[in-house]
C-alpha atoms as a PDB file:
ATOM      1  CA  MET A   1       4.186  12.891 -12.231  1.00  0.00           C
ATOM      2  CA  ALA A   2       3.083   9.670 -10.566  1.00  0.00           C
ATOM      3  CA  ILE A   3      -0.052   8.990  -8.561  1.00  0.00           C
ATOM      4  CA  CYS A   4       0.180   6.059  -6.182  1.00  0.00           C
ATOM      5  CA  PHE A   5      -2.764   4.370  -4.424  1.00  0.00           C
ATOM      6  CA  GLU A   6      -1.396   2.957  -1.175  1.00  0.00           C
ATOM      7  CA  LEU A   7      -1.942   1.980   2.404  1.00  0.00           C
ATOM      8  CA  MET A   8       0.447   3.831   4.705  1.00  0.00           C
ATOM      9  CA  VAL A   9       0.714   2.338   8.198  1.00  0.00           C
ATOM     10  CA  ASN A  10       2.300   4.299  11.068  1.00  0.00           C
ATOM     11  CA  PHE A  11       4.128   2.134  13.636  1.00  0.00           C
ATOM     12  CA  GLY A  12       5.278   5.027  15.782  1.00  0.00           C
ATOM     13  CA  GLN A  13       8.812   4.202  16.901  1.00  0.00           C
ATOM     14  CA  ASN A  14       8.285   0.424  16.895  1.00  0.00           C
ATOM     15  CA  ILE A  15      10.710  -0.592  14.126  1.00  0.00           C
ATOM     16  CA  VAL A  16      10.610  -4.241  15.274  1.00  0.00           C
ATOM     17  CA  ALA A  17       6.847  -4.507  14.693  1.00  0.00           C
ATOM     18  CA  ALA A  18       7.125  -2.685  11.349  1.00  0.00           C
ATOM     19  CA  ARG A  19       9.850  -5.062  10.153  1.00  0.00           C
ATOM     20  CA  ARG A  20       7.862  -8.065  11.344  1.00  0.00           C
ATOM     21  CA  ALA A  21       4.783  -6.887   9.417  1.00  0.00           C
ATOM     22  CA  ALA A  22       6.851  -6.264   6.282  1.00  0.00           C
ATOM     23  CA  LEU A  23       8.592  -9.644   6.445  1.00  0.00           C
ATOM     24  CA  THR A  24       5.648 -11.837   7.398  1.00  0.00           C
ATOM     25  CA  GLY A  25       3.289 -10.411   4.814  1.00  0.00           C
ATOM     26  CA  LEU A  26      -0.010  -8.678   5.217  1.00  0.00           C
ATOM     27  CA  GLY A  27      -2.678 -11.255   4.575  1.00  0.00           C
ATOM     28  CA  PRO A  28      -3.879 -12.508   1.211  1.00  0.00           C
ATOM     29  CA  VAL A  29      -1.802 -12.307  -1.933  1.00  0.00           C
ATOM     30  CA  THR A  30      -4.666 -10.565  -3.733  1.00  0.00           C
ATOM     31  CA  LEU A  31      -7.453  -8.202  -2.719  1.00  0.00           C
ATOM     32  CA  ARG A  32     -10.892  -7.919  -4.270  1.00  0.00           C
ATOM     33  CA  ALA A  33     -12.354  -4.769  -5.797  1.00  0.00           C
ATOM     34  CA  GLY A  34     -15.398  -5.263  -7.999  1.00  0.00           C
ATOM     35  CA  SER A  35     -14.530  -8.007 -10.471  1.00  0.00           C
ATOM     36  CA  HIS A  36     -10.799  -7.311 -10.075  1.00  0.00           C
ATOM     37  CA  ARG A  37      -8.279  -9.343  -8.108  1.00  0.00           C
ATOM     38  CA  ILE A  38      -5.460  -6.984  -7.175  1.00  0.00           C
ATOM     39  CA  ALA A  39      -2.018  -8.222  -6.104  1.00  0.00           C
ATOM     40  CA  LEU A  40       0.181  -6.243  -3.709  1.00  0.00           C
ATOM     41  CA  HIS A  41       3.757  -5.127  -4.171  1.00  0.00           C
ATOM     42  CA  ARG A  42       6.184  -6.134  -1.434  1.00  0.00           C
ATOM     43  CA  ALA A  43       5.698  -3.877   1.598  1.00  0.00           C
ATOM     44  CA  LEU A  44       8.145  -0.960   1.885  1.00  0.00           C
ATOM     45  CA  LEU A  45       9.490   0.560   5.116  1.00  0.00           C
ATOM     46  CA  ARG A  46      10.678   4.111   5.631  1.00  0.00           C
ATOM     47  CA  THR A  47      11.318   6.468   8.499  1.00  0.00           C
ATOM     48  CA  ALA A  48       9.485   9.759   8.570  1.00  0.00           C
ATOM     49  CA  GLY A  49      10.804  12.008  11.288  1.00  0.00           C
ATOM     50  CA  SER A  50      10.666  10.043  14.526  1.00  0.00           C
ATOM     51  CA  TYR A  51       8.300   7.307  13.352  1.00  0.00           C
ATOM     52  CA  VAL A  52       8.318   4.305  11.031  1.00  0.00           C
ATOM     53  CA  GLU A  53       5.903   3.887   8.125  1.00  0.00           C
ATOM     54  CA  LEU A  54       5.059   0.745   6.191  1.00  0.00           C
ATOM     55  CA  SER A  55       3.658   1.265   2.697  1.00  0.00           C
ATOM     56  CA  VAL A  56       1.536  -1.309   0.875  1.00  0.00           C
ATOM     57  CA  VAL A  57       0.931  -0.552  -2.806  1.00  0.00           C
ATOM     58  CA  PRO A  58      -1.576  -2.466  -4.955  1.00  0.00           C
ATOM     59  CA  VAL A  59      -0.146  -3.578  -8.312  1.00  0.00           C
ATOM     60  CA  ALA A  60      -1.151  -1.558 -11.411  1.00  0.00           C
ATOM     61  CA  VAL A  61      -3.687   0.694  -9.669  1.00  0.00           C
ATOM     62  CA  GLY A  62      -1.701   3.962  -9.713  1.00  0.00           C
ATOM     63  CA  TRP A  63      -0.664   6.161 -12.622  1.00  0.00           C
ATOM     64  CA  GLY A  64       3.030   6.071 -13.474  1.00  0.00           C
ATOM     65  CA  ALA A  65       4.039   4.461 -10.168  1.00  0.00           C
ATOM     66  CA  GLY A  66       7.650   3.291 -10.372  1.00  0.00           C
ATOM     67  CA  LEU A  67       6.880  -0.041  -8.705  1.00  0.00           C
ATOM     68  CA  ASP A  68       4.531  -0.946 -11.575  1.00  0.00           C
ATOM     69  CA  GLY A  69       7.186  -0.565 -14.253  1.00  0.00           C
ATOM     70  CA  THR A  70       5.534  -1.083 -17.659  1.00  0.00           C
ATOM     71  CA  LEU A  71       2.404  -2.845 -16.369  1.00  0.00           C
ATOM     72  CA  GLN A  72      -0.859  -1.577 -17.821  1.00  0.00           C
ATOM     73  CA  ARG A  73      -2.937   0.291 -15.236  1.00  0.00           C
ATOM     74  CA  ILE A  74      -6.165  -1.342 -14.069  1.00  0.00           C
ATOM     75  CA  ARG A  75      -8.959   1.163 -14.655  1.00  0.00           C
ATOM     76  CA  MET A  76     -11.301   1.318 -11.695  1.00  0.00           C
ATOM     77  CA  PRO A  77     -14.276   3.595 -10.965  1.00  0.00           C
ATOM     78  CA  ALA A  78     -14.463   5.411  -7.632  1.00  0.00           C
ATOM     79  CA  ALA A  79     -16.653   2.699  -6.063  1.00  0.00           C
ATOM     80  CA  GLU A  80     -14.034   0.022  -6.781  1.00  0.00           C
ATOM     81  CA  LEU A  81     -11.201   2.229  -5.490  1.00  0.00           C
ATOM     82  CA  THR A  82     -13.245   2.675  -2.298  1.00  0.00           C
ATOM     83  CA  GLU A  83     -13.704  -1.095  -2.057  1.00  0.00           C
ATOM     84  CA  LEU A  84      -9.955  -1.589  -2.527  1.00  0.00           C
ATOM     85  CA  GLY A  85      -9.250   1.020   0.166  1.00  0.00           C
ATOM     86  CA  ASN A  86     -11.559  -0.846   2.546  1.00  0.00           C
ATOM     87  CA  GLU A  87      -9.703  -4.096   1.807  1.00  0.00           C
ATOM     88  CA  LEU A  88      -6.415  -2.338   2.615  1.00  0.00           C
ATOM     89  CA  TYR A  89      -7.878  -1.126   5.933  1.00  0.00           C
ATOM     90  CA  ARG A  90      -8.813  -4.735   6.746  1.00  0.00           C
ATOM     91  CA  LEU A  91      -5.151  -5.629   6.296  1.00  0.00           C
ATOM     92  CA  ALA A  92      -4.094  -2.818   8.636  1.00  0.00           C
ATOM     93  CA  ARG A  93      -6.452  -4.085  11.346  1.00  0.00           C
ATOM     94  CA  GLN A  94      -4.647  -7.455  11.271  1.00  0.00           C
ATOM     95  CA  ILE A  95      -1.302  -5.883  12.220  1.00  0.00           C
ATOM     96  CA  ARG A  96      -0.329  -5.508  15.879  1.00  0.00           C
ATOM     97  CA  TRP A  97       1.144  -2.262  17.147  1.00  0.00           C
ATOM     98  CA  VAL A  98      -0.312  -0.080  14.409  1.00  0.00           C
ATOM     99  CA  ARG A  99      -0.792   3.506  15.481  1.00  0.00           C
ATOM    100  CA  ARG A 100      -2.626   4.612  12.348  1.00  0.00           C
ATOM    101  CA  GLY A 101      -3.421   3.282   8.894  1.00  0.00           C
ATOM    102  CA  GLU A 102      -4.444   5.449   5.954  1.00  0.00           C
ATOM    103  CA  SER A 103      -5.263   4.509   2.396  1.00  0.00           C
ATOM    104  CA  ARG A 104      -4.746   7.353  -0.010  1.00  0.00           C
ATOM    105  CA  LEU A 105      -3.793   8.537  -3.433  1.00  0.00           C
ATOM    106  CA  ARG A 106      -0.347  10.104  -3.264  1.00  0.00           C
ATOM    107  CA  SER A 107       1.197  12.105  -6.070  1.00  0.00           C
ATOM    108  CA  GLY A 108       4.834  12.848  -6.655  1.00  0.00           C
ATOM    109  CA  GLY A 109       7.645  12.506  -9.114  1.00  0.00           C
ATOM    110  CA  VAL A 110       7.979   9.245 -10.960  1.00  0.00           C
ATOM    111  CA  ARG A 111      10.362   7.053  -8.999  1.00  0.00           C
ATOM    112  CA  ARG A 112      11.922   3.853 -10.189  1.00  0.00           C
ATOM    113  CA  PRO A 113      12.396   0.994  -7.752  1.00  0.00           C
ATOM    114  CA  GLY A 114      15.963   0.627  -6.729  1.00  0.00           C
END
């Protein structure tokens, strides 16, 4: 089982805005959390029912996340995970046409990028 820490951004049905956000990047290359500097994986788009979601996943923060491959996980206490979540929300506020942004821990089967 994998646990993924991510920012999931709902663009409603605005695929153009979602693609633009994914292609133009979402702010800084790294985010701060405590003494850590956390890079972001490339943003991922997916459709969920009638709306479009953009997922932003910090590198090496989850447990067994396929995007991280064999990278060693960065151990972070709850306060630093909260700080990282707040940094992700700051990114979401920079994006136009966002209906809702949510940072969360998501669990599921281990998936390999492909």
